[in-house]
Amino acid sequence: MDLAYIPSPSESVWHLGPIPIRAYALCLIAGIVAACWIAEARMRSRGAPKWAVLDLAVWAVPFGIVGARIYHVFSSPDAYFGPDGDPWRALAVWEGGLGIPGAVALGAVGVWLGCRQLKLPFAMVADAIVPGIPVGQAIGRLGNWFNQELYGKPLDTWWAVAIDTDHRVAGYSQYSTFHPTFLYELLWNVGVALAVVLADRKAKFGAGRAVALYVALYGIGRFWIEGLRIDPAEAFGGLRLNQWMSVIVVVLAVAYLIFARGTRQVFVIDGGERVTVDWDSAEAAAAGYVDGALPKGAEPGETASAEDEPEPEPDRPEDDVIPDEPLDVEPSSDAGKPREDS
């Protein structure tokens, strides 16, 4: 085997009897599981109910997949509606082709609907779960490696990826190794997740500002990575549609970071109900939060309200103090003598 480049997997589908097991689907599932695991840990550290993330995922995952497919078909329509296209293939998600902007947009709608059902504040939940999204994206990009898709321009170096003849873009059949743009995006997404976690740990983002940081960083990476790709896509003004989309979302996200205000919110228990308070409030400290997070495995404590505190006893004046023992009084020298009339 020639190790001067990254080889592509020879198979992307395995059969368990009549049932096809697709590597692309397995990578997507693994990415979703990882994103949910990270989101659950961060939600629990802010006092959210246990496994609330699974209830949110019931809404977010199908919305995200539909949004991702719609965006992909919209940005690369020739394969489905062009002269040699097949419209029915637009439904073949297992063949690959999911647009991340669409997944994030409609996935966010799903999270919002889930928050309404669970009566959770959407902005707080979004800031908590957002670092899991780029991690899930990174794992999902491995599916593109198995499918031998989303690679870039020809490249002759040790980190280039080898693409089989059947999977090469038209006009590039004479080349065998290309930029592994799916790998670039995988590594970039891991960096984005770490950057958001570290920045959030320091700044205690609230009001959706952690989401804005993720969008800005992902958009910057997607812009330059998209410029290396050679797969067919809509383009105008010298840029691909995804590059224009990146420019727009980066500008909007940076503007939001500059002008939006808000700090991290956490849950405390008040009267048996979960309510949100600022991470650095006295209520949060009383509920057990340390630097804006609960210790691992802890639950938010009950906060005492003002009416629950016992009223202090009023101070009694010193004149009203009654001694516990009788005072010692020295008897008079006239004691016991009869009293004379004057």
Protein backbone atom coordinates (compact mmCIF):
# COMPACT_ATOMS: atom_id res chain seq x y z
CA MET A 1 0.00 0.00 0.00
CA ASP A 2 1.29 3.46 -0.90
CA LEU A 3 1.25 5.51 2.30
CA ALA A 4 2.26 8.78 0.59
CA TYR A 5 -1.41 9.83 0.65
CA ILE A 6 -4.64 9.17 2.57
CA PRO A 7 -6.40 6.13 1.07
CA SER A 8 -10.16 6.12 0.72
CA PRO A 9 -12.19 3.21 2.10
CA SER A 10 -12.87 0.56 -0.51
CA GLU A 11 -16.41 0.00 0.80
CA SER A 12 -19.04 2.26 2.26
CA VAL A 13 -21.92 -0.23 2.51
CA TRP A 14 -22.05 -3.57 4.30
CA HIS A 15 -24.97 -5.98 4.23
CA LEU A 16 -26.47 -7.69 7.23
CA GLY A 17 -28.50 -10.19 5.28
CA PRO A 18 -30.83 -8.11 3.09
CA ILE A 19 -30.30 -4.99 5.25
CA PRO A 20 -27.68 -2.48 3.98
CA ILE A 21 -25.52 -0.89 6.68
CA ARG A 22 -24.17 2.38 5.33
CA ALA A 23 -21.06 4.04 6.74
CA TYR A 24 -22.52 7.47 6.01
CA ALA A 25 -25.55 6.75 8.20
CA LEU A 26 -23.39 5.31 10.97
CA CYS A 27 -21.24 8.46 11.00
CA LEU A 28 -24.34 10.66 11.17
CA ILE A 29 -25.74 8.62 14.07
CA ALA A 30 -22.41 8.73 15.91
CA GLY A 31 -22.27 12.50 15.42
CA ILE A 32 -25.80 12.94 16.77
CA VAL A 33 -25.01 10.77 19.80
CA ALA A 34 -21.83 12.74 20.55
CA ALA A 35 -23.63 16.07 20.19
CA CYS A 36 -26.41 14.92 22.52
CA TRP A 37 -23.93 13.62 25.10
CA ILE A 38 -22.06 16.93 25.19
CA ALA A 39 -25.31 18.90 25.27
CA GLU A 40 -26.68 16.78 28.12
CA ALA A 41 -23.56 17.32 30.23
CA ARG A 42 -23.65 21.08 29.69
CA MET A 43 -27.39 21.32 30.30
CA ARG A 44 -27.11 19.35 33.53
CA SER A 45 -24.29 21.62 34.72
CA ARG A 46 -26.76 24.50 34.43
CA GLY A 47 -29.49 22.74 36.38
CA ALA A 48 -31.69 21.52 33.50
CA PRO A 49 -33.88 18.44 34.03
CA LYS A 50 -32.18 15.11 33.46
CA TRP A 51 -32.28 13.86 29.84
CA ALA A 52 -34.08 16.98 28.62
CA VAL A 53 -31.72 16.90 25.64
CA LEU A 54 -33.29 13.67 24.40
CA ASP A 55 -36.69 15.34 24.33
CA LEU A 56 -35.17 18.22 22.38
CA ALA A 57 -33.43 15.81 19.98
CA VAL A 58 -36.79 14.27 19.05
CA TRP A 59 -37.60 17.64 17.48
CA ALA A 60 -34.18 18.86 16.40
CA VAL A 61 -32.81 15.79 14.58
CA PRO A 62 -35.58 15.25 12.00
CA PHE A 63 -35.90 19.00 11.43
CA GLY A 64 -32.13 19.24 10.97
CA ILE A 65 -31.92 16.36 8.49
CA VAL A 66 -34.78 17.75 6.40
CA GLY A 67 -33.24 21.22 6.46
CA ALA A 68 -29.82 19.85 5.52
CA ARG A 69 -31.21 17.95 2.54
CA ILE A 70 -33.27 20.90 1.32
CA TYR A 71 -30.24 23.17 1.47
CA HIS A 72 -28.06 20.66 -0.37
CA VAL A 73 -30.60 20.24 -3.18
CA PHE A 74 -31.02 24.01 -3.37
CA SER A 75 -27.26 24.65 -3.56
CA SER A 76 -26.55 21.78 -6.03
CA PRO A 77 -29.73 21.44 -8.11
CA ASP A 78 -28.25 20.12 -11.38
CA ALA A 79 -27.85 16.59 -10.03
CA TYR A 80 -31.58 16.46 -9.39
CA PHE A 81 -33.26 18.90 -11.77
CA GLY A 82 -30.62 19.39 -14.49
CA PRO A 83 -30.64 17.84 -17.98
CA ASP A 84 -29.34 14.51 -16.69
CA GLY A 85 -30.77 14.84 -13.20
CA ASP A 86 -33.18 12.58 -11.36
CA PRO A 87 -35.63 14.43 -9.06
CA TRP A 88 -36.31 11.27 -7.04
CA ARG A 89 -32.67 11.21 -5.95
CA ALA A 90 -33.39 14.32 -3.90
CA LEU A 91 -34.91 11.95 -1.35
CA ALA A 92 -31.88 9.62 -1.28
CA VAL A 93 -30.26 11.01 1.86
CA TRP A 94 -28.21 7.82 2.29
CA GLU A 95 -26.21 8.71 -0.83
CA GLY A 96 -24.79 11.76 0.95
CA GLY A 97 -25.44 15.41 0.46
CA LEU A 98 -26.47 17.34 3.57
CA GLY A 99 -26.02 21.09 3.79
CA ILE A 100 -24.89 22.23 7.22
CA PRO A 101 -26.50 25.71 7.01
CA GLY A 102 -29.88 24.07 6.42
CA ALA A 103 -29.30 21.61 9.25
CA VAL A 104 -28.48 24.40 11.70
CA ALA A 105 -31.37 26.61 10.60
CA LEU A 106 -34.16 24.03 10.70
CA GLY A 107 -32.54 22.18 13.59
CA ALA A 108 -32.79 25.40 15.58
CA VAL A 109 -36.50 25.53 14.77
CA GLY A 110 -36.81 22.01 16.15
CA VAL A 111 -34.99 22.98 19.36
CA TRP A 112 -37.29 26.01 19.73
CA LEU A 113 -40.37 23.81 19.41
CA GLY A 114 -38.92 21.36 21.93
CA CYS A 115 -38.20 24.19 24.36
CA ARG A 116 -41.79 25.33 24.10
CA GLN A 117 -42.99 21.84 24.96
CA LEU A 118 -40.61 21.55 27.93
CA LYS A 119 -41.08 25.20 29.00
CA LEU A 120 -37.33 25.88 28.80
CA PRO A 121 -35.81 29.24 27.73
CA PHE A 122 -34.62 28.82 24.15
CA ALA A 123 -31.59 31.17 24.27
CA MET A 124 -30.28 29.53 27.43
CA VAL A 125 -30.66 26.05 25.95
CA ALA A 126 -29.05 27.09 22.65
CA ASP A 127 -25.97 28.50 24.38
CA ALA A 128 -25.63 25.32 26.45
CA ILE A 129 -25.91 22.81 23.61
CA VAL A 130 -24.05 24.63 20.83
CA PRO A 131 -20.52 23.20 21.40
CA GLY A 132 -21.88 19.73 20.67
CA ILE A 133 -22.99 20.79 17.18
CA PRO A 134 -19.52 21.22 15.60
CA VAL A 135 -18.37 17.98 17.28
CA GLY A 136 -21.31 16.17 15.68
CA GLN A 137 -20.47 17.82 12.35
CA ALA A 138 -16.86 16.68 12.62
CA ILE A 139 -17.84 13.05 13.16
CA GLY A 140 -20.42 13.23 10.40
CA ARG A 141 -17.75 14.40 7.93
CA LEU A 142 -16.16 10.96 8.14
CA GLY A 143 -19.17 9.77 6.15
CA ASN A 144 -17.98 11.91 3.25
CA TRP A 145 -14.65 10.08 3.38
CA PHE A 146 -16.40 6.71 3.09
CA ASN A 147 -18.52 8.03 0.20
CA GLN A 148 -15.46 9.59 -1.50
CA GLU A 149 -17.14 12.97 -1.85
CA LEU A 150 -16.64 16.62 -0.92
CA TYR A 151 -12.95 16.65 -1.78
CA GLY A 152 -11.12 19.62 -3.28
CA LYS A 153 -8.74 20.49 -6.05
CA PRO A 154 -5.99 18.11 -7.17
CA LEU A 155 -3.16 17.88 -4.65
CA ASP A 156 0.10 15.94 -4.66
CA THR A 157 1.32 15.66 -1.08
CA TRP A 158 1.24 13.22 1.81
CA TRP A 159 -2.07 14.49 3.23
CA ALA A 160 -3.92 14.33 -0.12
CA VAL A 161 -6.78 11.84 -0.33
CA ALA A 162 -6.93 9.21 -3.05
CA ILE A 163 -10.23 9.07 -4.93
CA ASP A 164 -11.29 6.11 -7.07
CA THR A 165 -11.98 6.76 -10.75
CA ASP A 166 -15.73 6.17 -10.35
CA HIS A 167 -15.98 8.93 -7.76
CA ARG A 168 -13.93 11.63 -9.49
CA VAL A 169 -15.63 14.84 -10.58
CA ALA A 170 -16.09 15.21 -14.33
CA GLY A 171 -13.04 16.84 -15.88
CA TYR A 172 -10.66 15.60 -13.15
CA SER A 173 -10.40 11.92 -14.08
CA GLN A 174 -6.68 12.29 -14.88
CA TYR A 175 -5.93 13.13 -11.25
CA SER A 176 -5.89 10.59 -8.44
CA THR A 177 -5.27 12.60 -5.24
CA PHE A 178 -7.09 15.70 -4.04
CA HIS A 179 -7.46 18.15 -1.13
CA PRO A 180 -9.31 16.29 1.66
CA THR A 181 -11.66 19.19 2.33
CA PHE A 182 -13.91 16.99 4.47
CA LEU A 183 -10.88 16.41 6.72
CA TYR A 184 -10.10 20.14 6.82
CA GLU A 185 -13.66 20.82 7.95
CA LEU A 186 -13.51 18.00 10.51
CA LEU A 187 -10.41 19.50 12.13
CA TRP A 188 -11.78 23.04 11.89
CA ASN A 189 -15.01 21.99 13.60
CA VAL A 190 -13.13 20.40 16.49
CA GLY A 191 -11.23 23.68 16.88
CA VAL A 192 -14.49 25.64 16.79
CA ALA A 193 -15.97 23.48 19.55
CA LEU A 194 -12.92 24.00 21.77
CA ALA A 195 -12.90 27.75 21.10
CA VAL A 196 -16.58 28.11 22.01
CA VAL A 197 -16.17 26.07 25.22
CA LEU A 198 -13.12 28.05 26.35
CA ALA A 199 -14.63 31.43 25.47
CA ASP A 200 -17.90 30.53 27.18
CA ARG A 201 -16.03 29.36 30.28
CA LYS A 202 -14.36 32.77 30.52
CA ALA A 203 -17.10 35.13 29.32
CA LYS A 204 -20.19 33.23 30.61
CA PHE A 205 -22.15 33.88 27.41
CA GLY A 206 -25.90 34.38 27.51
CA ALA A 207 -28.71 35.53 25.21
CA GLY A 208 -27.48 33.32 22.35
CA ARG A 209 -23.99 34.81 22.18
CA ALA A 210 -22.26 31.41 22.30
CA VAL A 211 -24.34 30.43 19.26
CA ALA A 212 -23.23 33.58 17.47
CA LEU A 213 -19.57 32.76 18.17
CA TYR A 214 -20.04 29.27 16.75
CA VAL A 215 -21.75 30.62 13.62
CA ALA A 216 -18.99 33.20 13.06
CA LEU A 217 -16.12 30.74 13.48
CA TYR A 218 -17.77 28.02 11.42
CA GLY A 219 -18.59 30.49 8.65
CA ILE A 220 -14.97 31.67 8.44
CA GLY A 221 -13.72 28.11 8.08
CA ARG A 222 -16.41 27.12 5.64
CA PHE A 223 -15.56 30.10 3.39
CA TRP A 224 -11.95 29.08 2.71
CA ILE A 225 -12.64 25.35 2.65
CA GLU A 226 -15.49 25.84 0.18
CA GLY A 227 -13.09 27.71 -2.10
CA LEU A 228 -11.05 24.50 -2.52
CA ARG A 229 -13.96 22.26 -3.52
CA ILE A 230 -14.61 21.23 -7.12
CA ASP A 231 -17.95 19.42 -6.85
CA PRO A 232 -20.77 21.07 -8.84
CA ALA A 233 -22.55 23.89 -7.00
CA GLU A 234 -24.38 27.10 -7.72
CA ALA A 235 -22.00 30.05 -8.04
CA PHE A 236 -22.10 33.71 -8.97
CA GLY A 237 -19.77 36.68 -8.65
CA GLY A 238 -16.77 34.36 -8.55
CA LEU A 239 -17.94 32.65 -5.34
CA ARG A 240 -19.91 29.51 -4.64
CA LEU A 241 -23.30 29.83 -2.99
CA ASN A 242 -21.94 28.42 0.28
CA GLN A 243 -19.22 31.08 0.31
CA TRP A 244 -21.78 33.86 -0.09
CA MET A 245 -23.82 32.27 2.69
CA SER A 246 -20.71 32.19 4.88
CA VAL A 247 -20.07 35.89 4.32
CA ILE A 248 -23.63 36.78 5.28
CA VAL A 249 -23.78 34.67 8.44
CA VAL A 250 -20.33 35.78 9.63
CA VAL A 251 -21.27 39.46 9.31
CA LEU A 252 -24.58 38.91 11.12
CA ALA A 253 -22.99 36.78 13.85
CA VAL A 254 -20.20 39.28 14.54
CA ALA A 255 -22.72 42.13 14.69
CA TYR A 256 -24.80 40.14 17.17
CA LEU A 257 -21.75 39.48 19.34
CA ILE A 258 -20.93 43.18 19.40
CA PHE A 259 -24.37 44.54 20.17
CA ALA A 260 -26.16 41.77 22.08
CA ARG A 261 -25.98 41.75 25.85
CA GLY A 262 -26.70 38.96 28.26
CA THR A 263 -25.00 36.70 30.75
CA ARG A 264 -25.30 33.00 31.49
CA GLN A 265 -28.52 31.82 33.08
CA VAL A 266 -28.79 28.78 35.34
CA PHE A 267 -31.69 26.92 36.93
CA VAL A 268 -32.48 27.00 40.64
CA ILE A 269 -35.36 25.41 42.51
CA ASP A 270 -37.80 27.90 43.98
CA GLY A 271 -40.99 26.59 45.55
CA GLY A 272 -40.50 23.24 43.82
CA GLU A 273 -40.22 24.85 40.37
CA ARG A 274 -37.15 25.44 38.20
CA VAL A 275 -36.55 29.14 37.57
CA THR A 276 -33.64 30.90 35.86
CA VAL A 277 -31.25 33.29 37.58
CA ASP A 278 -27.93 34.89 36.64
CA TRP A 279 -24.96 32.59 37.15
CA ASP A 280 -23.30 34.99 39.62
CA SER A 281 -26.40 35.77 41.69
CA ALA A 282 -26.82 34.97 45.38
CA GLU A 283 -29.57 32.51 44.44
CA ALA A 284 -27.16 30.57 42.20
CA ALA A 285 -24.52 30.43 44.94
CA ALA A 286 -27.10 29.24 47.46
CA ALA A 287 -28.21 26.51 45.03
CA GLY A 288 -24.67 25.10 44.84
CA TYR A 289 -23.25 26.65 41.67
CA VAL A 290 -19.50 27.20 41.49
CA ASP A 291 -18.23 29.57 38.80
CA GLY A 292 -21.50 29.27 36.90
CA ALA A 293 -21.80 25.47 36.92
CA LEU A 294 -22.98 22.73 39.23
CA PRO A 295 -20.44 20.17 40.42
CA LYS A 296 -20.66 16.94 38.42
CA GLY A 297 -23.67 14.87 39.43
CA ALA A 298 -25.19 17.61 41.62
CA GLU A 299 -28.73 18.93 41.39
CA PRO A 300 -29.68 22.58 41.92
CA GLY A 301 -30.65 23.20 45.53
CA GLU A 302 -33.77 24.89 46.87
CA THR A 303 -33.32 28.62 47.35
CA ALA A 304 -34.87 30.18 50.44
CA SER A 305 -37.28 33.02 49.81
CA ALA A 306 -37.55 36.01 52.08
CA GLU A 307 -40.85 34.91 53.64
CA ASP A 308 -39.38 31.51 54.49
CA GLU A 309 -36.67 33.03 56.69
CA PRO A 310 -37.53 33.17 60.40
CA GLU A 311 -38.17 36.66 61.74
CA PRO A 312 -35.60 37.79 64.31
CA GLU A 313 -36.90 38.25 67.84
CA PRO A 314 -37.15 41.91 68.90
CA ASP A 315 -34.59 43.11 71.39
CA ARG A 316 -36.08 43.65 74.84
CA PRO A 317 -35.15 46.81 76.71
CA GLU A 318 -32.70 46.29 79.52
CA ASP A 319 -35.24 47.70 82.02
CA ASP A 320 -37.48 44.71 81.39
CA VAL A 321 -34.81 42.17 82.15
CA ILE A 322 -35.84 39.98 85.05
CA PRO A 323 -32.94 38.42 86.87
CA ASP A 324 -32.97 34.66 87.12
CA GLU A 325 -31.82 34.71 90.80
CA PRO A 326 -32.89 37.00 93.67
CA LEU A 327 -30.58 39.86 94.45
CA ASP A 328 -28.52 39.58 97.64
CA VAL A 329 -29.64 42.43 99.97
CA GLU A 330 -27.75 43.06 103.19
CA PRO A 331 -30.20 43.34 106.15
CA SER A 332 -30.48 46.69 107.90
CA SER A 333 -29.22 47.14 111.51
CA ASP A 334 -32.75 48.12 112.59
CA ALA A 335 -34.24 44.91 111.37
CA GLY A 336 -36.37 43.17 114.03
CA LYS A 337 -36.74 46.28 116.24
CA PRO A 338 -40.22 47.57 117.03
CA ARG A 339 -41.12 50.70 115.23
CA GLU A 340 -41.69 53.78 117.45
CA ASP A 341 -44.56 56.18 116.87
CA SER A 342 -43.42 59.71 116.27
